[in-house]
N, C-alpha and C. Protein backbone atom coordinates (compact mmCIF):
# COMPACT_ATOMS: atom_id res chain seq x y z
N MET A 1 179.11 97.35 103.96
CA MET A 1 177.90 98.06 103.35
C MET A 1 177.08 96.72 102.61
N LEU A 2 175.83 96.77 102.92
CA LEU A 2 174.93 95.88 102.39
C LEU A 2 174.46 96.41 101.04
N VAL A 3 174.49 95.52 99.90
CA VAL A 3 174.02 95.92 98.66
C VAL A 3 172.88 95.07 98.28
N LEU A 4 171.83 95.60 97.91
CA LEU A 4 170.49 94.97 97.55
C LEU A 4 170.19 95.22 96.13
N SER A 5 169.43 94.52 95.43
CA SER A 5 168.75 94.74 94.11
C SER A 5 167.29 94.74 94.61
N ARG A 6 166.55 95.76 94.09
CA ARG A 6 165.09 95.86 94.25
C ARG A 6 164.51 96.21 93.02
N LYS A 7 163.19 95.87 92.80
CA LYS A 7 162.46 96.21 91.61
C LYS A 7 161.32 97.13 92.10
N LYS A 8 160.86 97.86 91.22
CA LYS A 8 159.71 98.79 91.39
C LYS A 8 158.64 97.98 92.29
N GLY A 9 158.16 98.67 93.38
CA GLY A 9 157.14 98.06 94.18
C GLY A 9 157.73 97.27 95.24
N GLU A 10 158.99 96.96 95.33
CA GLU A 10 159.63 96.27 96.44
C GLU A 10 160.17 97.19 97.54
N ALA A 11 160.54 96.70 98.66
CA ALA A 11 160.89 97.60 99.71
C ALA A 11 162.06 96.84 100.63
N VAL A 12 162.62 97.77 101.44
CA VAL A 12 163.56 97.27 102.46
C VAL A 12 163.20 97.81 103.69
N LEU A 13 163.25 97.04 104.74
CA LEU A 13 163.07 97.42 106.20
C LEU A 13 164.29 97.65 106.91
N VAL A 14 164.40 98.68 107.67
CA VAL A 14 165.59 99.02 108.49
C VAL A 14 165.03 99.01 109.96
N GLY A 15 165.46 97.91 110.61
CA GLY A 15 164.81 97.86 112.02
C GLY A 15 163.29 97.52 111.81
N GLU A 16 162.54 97.91 112.74
CA GLU A 16 161.13 97.59 112.79
C GLU A 16 160.18 98.75 112.10
N ASP A 17 160.93 99.87 112.07
CA ASP A 17 160.12 101.19 111.85
C ASP A 17 160.44 101.99 110.65
N ILE A 18 161.45 101.55 109.98
CA ILE A 18 161.91 102.34 108.73
C ILE A 18 161.75 101.47 107.57
N GLU A 19 161.03 102.06 106.57
CA GLU A 19 160.91 101.27 105.34
C GLU A 19 161.16 102.25 104.17
N PHE A 20 161.98 101.61 103.24
CA PHE A 20 162.48 102.27 101.90
C PHE A 20 161.68 101.53 100.81
N SER A 21 160.92 102.22 99.98
CA SER A 21 160.15 101.55 98.96
C SER A 21 160.69 102.03 97.60
N ILE A 22 160.83 101.31 96.65
CA ILE A 22 161.04 101.67 95.21
C ILE A 22 159.69 102.04 94.62
N LEU A 23 159.55 103.35 94.37
CA LEU A 23 158.28 103.82 93.70
C LEU A 23 158.33 103.85 92.17
N GLU A 24 159.42 104.15 91.60
CA GLU A 24 159.38 104.43 90.24
C GLU A 24 160.99 104.34 89.78
N ILE A 25 161.23 103.81 88.61
CA ILE A 25 162.54 103.82 87.87
C ILE A 25 162.29 104.31 86.58
N ILE A 26 163.07 105.43 86.17
CA ILE A 26 163.06 105.87 84.80
C ILE A 26 164.41 106.19 84.50
N GLY A 27 164.97 105.39 83.49
CA GLY A 27 166.33 105.65 83.10
C GLY A 27 167.29 105.29 84.30
N ASP A 28 168.05 106.23 84.59
CA ASP A 28 169.02 106.07 85.71
C ASP A 28 168.58 106.74 86.97
N THR A 29 167.39 107.07 87.05
CA THR A 29 166.74 107.68 88.21
C THR A 29 165.82 106.80 88.99
N VAL A 30 165.99 106.72 90.28
CA VAL A 30 165.15 105.85 91.05
C VAL A 30 164.43 106.77 92.07
N LYS A 31 163.10 106.60 92.17
CA LYS A 31 162.34 107.44 93.01
C LYS A 31 162.03 106.45 94.28
N ILE A 32 162.48 106.94 95.48
CA ILE A 32 162.40 106.14 96.66
C ILE A 32 161.48 106.86 97.66
N GLY A 33 160.62 106.01 98.20
CA GLY A 33 159.67 106.48 99.32
C GLY A 33 160.30 106.01 100.58
N ILE A 34 160.17 106.70 101.67
CA ILE A 34 160.85 106.51 102.96
C ILE A 34 159.71 106.69 104.04
N LYS A 35 159.37 105.65 104.80
CA LYS A 35 158.50 105.71 105.96
C LYS A 35 159.38 105.54 107.19
N ALA A 36 159.21 106.60 108.10
CA ALA A 36 160.03 106.46 109.31
C ALA A 36 159.42 107.36 110.29
N PRO A 37 159.56 107.10 111.60
CA PRO A 37 159.02 107.93 112.70
C PRO A 37 159.52 109.29 112.54
N SER A 38 158.66 110.22 113.03
CA SER A 38 158.92 111.68 112.83
C SER A 38 160.14 112.20 113.52
N GLU A 39 160.64 111.37 114.48
CA GLU A 39 161.81 111.77 115.20
C GLU A 39 163.21 111.24 114.54
N VAL A 40 163.00 110.68 113.44
CA VAL A 40 164.08 110.17 112.53
C VAL A 40 164.36 111.27 111.45
N GLY A 41 165.50 111.87 111.55
CA GLY A 41 165.88 112.77 110.47
C GLY A 41 166.33 112.21 109.23
N ILE A 42 165.70 112.70 108.15
CA ILE A 42 166.02 112.14 106.81
C ILE A 42 166.62 113.37 105.97
N LEU A 43 167.82 113.29 105.47
CA LEU A 43 168.37 114.40 104.68
C LEU A 43 169.18 113.89 103.52
N ARG A 44 169.00 114.54 102.42
CA ARG A 44 169.81 114.10 101.32
C ARG A 44 171.34 114.26 101.45
N LYS A 45 172.13 113.26 101.18
CA LYS A 45 173.62 113.45 101.53
C LYS A 45 174.22 114.53 100.98
N GLU A 46 173.96 114.91 99.66
CA GLU A 46 174.63 116.08 98.99
C GLU A 46 174.40 117.38 99.81
N LEU A 47 173.14 117.44 100.31
CA LEU A 47 172.77 118.60 101.13
C LEU A 47 173.62 118.61 102.55
N TYR A 48 173.61 117.52 103.11
CA TYR A 48 174.44 117.35 104.32
C TYR A 48 175.91 117.72 104.14
N VAL A 49 176.44 117.14 103.00
CA VAL A 49 177.75 117.45 102.66
C VAL A 49 178.02 119.03 102.34
N SER A 50 177.09 119.49 101.77
CA SER A 50 177.29 120.96 101.44
C SER A 50 177.28 121.94 102.66
N VAL A 51 176.29 121.45 103.75
CA VAL A 51 176.23 122.30 104.90
C VAL A 51 177.48 122.03 105.68
N GLU A 52 177.99 120.72 105.69
CA GLU A 52 179.34 120.51 106.44
C GLU A 52 180.41 121.24 105.88
N HIS A 53 180.54 121.55 104.59
CA HIS A 53 181.67 122.26 104.02
C HIS A 53 181.43 123.79 104.33
N MET A 54 180.27 124.17 104.32
CA MET A 54 179.93 125.71 104.71
C MET A 54 180.27 125.82 106.13
N ASN A 55 180.05 124.92 107.05
CA ASN A 55 180.41 125.14 108.43
C ASN A 55 181.78 125.08 108.76
N GLN A 56 182.59 124.29 107.89
CA GLN A 56 184.10 124.21 108.05
C GLN A 56 184.57 125.42 107.53
N ASN A 57 184.08 126.09 106.53
CA ASN A 57 184.51 127.33 105.90
C ASN A 57 184.27 128.51 106.79
N ALA A 58 183.12 128.42 107.59
CA ALA A 58 182.90 129.39 108.53
C ALA A 58 183.70 129.50 109.77
N GLU A 59 184.13 128.08 110.08
CA GLU A 59 185.00 128.12 111.16
C GLU A 59 186.43 128.72 110.93
N LYS A 60 186.68 128.72 109.61
CA LYS A 60 188.02 129.36 109.28
C LYS A 60 187.95 130.77 108.97
N SER A 61 186.79 131.36 108.92
CA SER A 61 186.52 132.71 108.66
C SER A 61 186.92 133.59 109.79
N SER A 62 187.64 134.79 109.41
CA SER A 62 188.00 135.69 110.53
C SER A 62 187.39 137.03 110.40
N ILE A 63 186.04 136.92 109.97
CA ILE A 63 185.19 138.10 109.84
C ILE A 63 184.72 138.56 111.24
N THR A 64 184.69 139.86 111.41
CA THR A 64 184.36 140.37 112.66
C THR A 64 182.71 140.55 112.66
N ALA A 65 182.22 140.61 113.97
CA ALA A 65 180.73 140.83 114.12
C ALA A 65 180.31 142.09 113.29
N THR A 66 181.06 143.15 113.37
CA THR A 66 180.57 144.32 112.59
C THR A 66 180.57 144.10 111.18
N GLU A 67 181.63 143.50 110.57
CA GLU A 67 181.57 143.09 109.24
C GLU A 67 180.40 142.24 108.76
N LEU A 68 180.16 141.36 109.68
CA LEU A 68 178.96 140.40 109.41
C LEU A 68 177.62 141.19 109.30
N MET A 69 177.45 142.13 110.30
CA MET A 69 176.30 142.85 110.39
C MET A 69 176.17 143.73 109.06
N ASN A 70 177.22 144.28 108.56
CA ASN A 70 177.25 145.15 107.45
C ASN A 70 176.79 144.25 106.13
N GLN A 71 177.31 143.06 106.17
CA GLN A 71 176.95 142.18 105.06
C GLN A 71 175.52 141.80 105.02
N PHE A 72 174.82 141.62 106.28
CA PHE A 72 173.47 141.36 106.34
C PHE A 72 172.70 142.64 105.88
N LYS A 73 173.11 143.65 106.34
CA LYS A 73 172.51 144.95 105.85
C LYS A 73 172.34 145.15 104.43
N GLN A 74 173.60 144.69 103.60
CA GLN A 74 173.65 144.77 102.29
C GLN A 74 172.66 143.90 101.67
N ILE A 75 172.67 142.55 102.22
CA ILE A 75 171.73 141.56 101.57
C ILE A 75 170.32 142.05 101.72
N LYS A 76 169.94 142.56 103.04
CA LYS A 76 168.59 143.12 103.25
C LYS A 76 168.02 144.12 102.27
N LYS A 77 169.06 145.03 101.76
CA LYS A 77 168.56 145.98 100.94
C LYS A 77 168.40 145.50 99.45
N LYS A 78 168.76 144.42 99.22
CA LYS A 78 168.45 143.91 97.90
C LYS A 78 167.15 143.39 97.72
């Protein structure tokens, strides 16, 4: 892992077409801007991990298609 120190207004290049810029630092929060081609997916890690866990739990589920349809109907009524 490469570890860098950056100040507000500074940036880091990854390859030739991805740039991470430090936009703002307030307390222990850093606002980062990312410039990348549209084909590069950018996702917050905690969201990725959450979806990964949900998918793993879904694989373990033994719910039938009928039960799933009933759950969808209940949700739709709300």
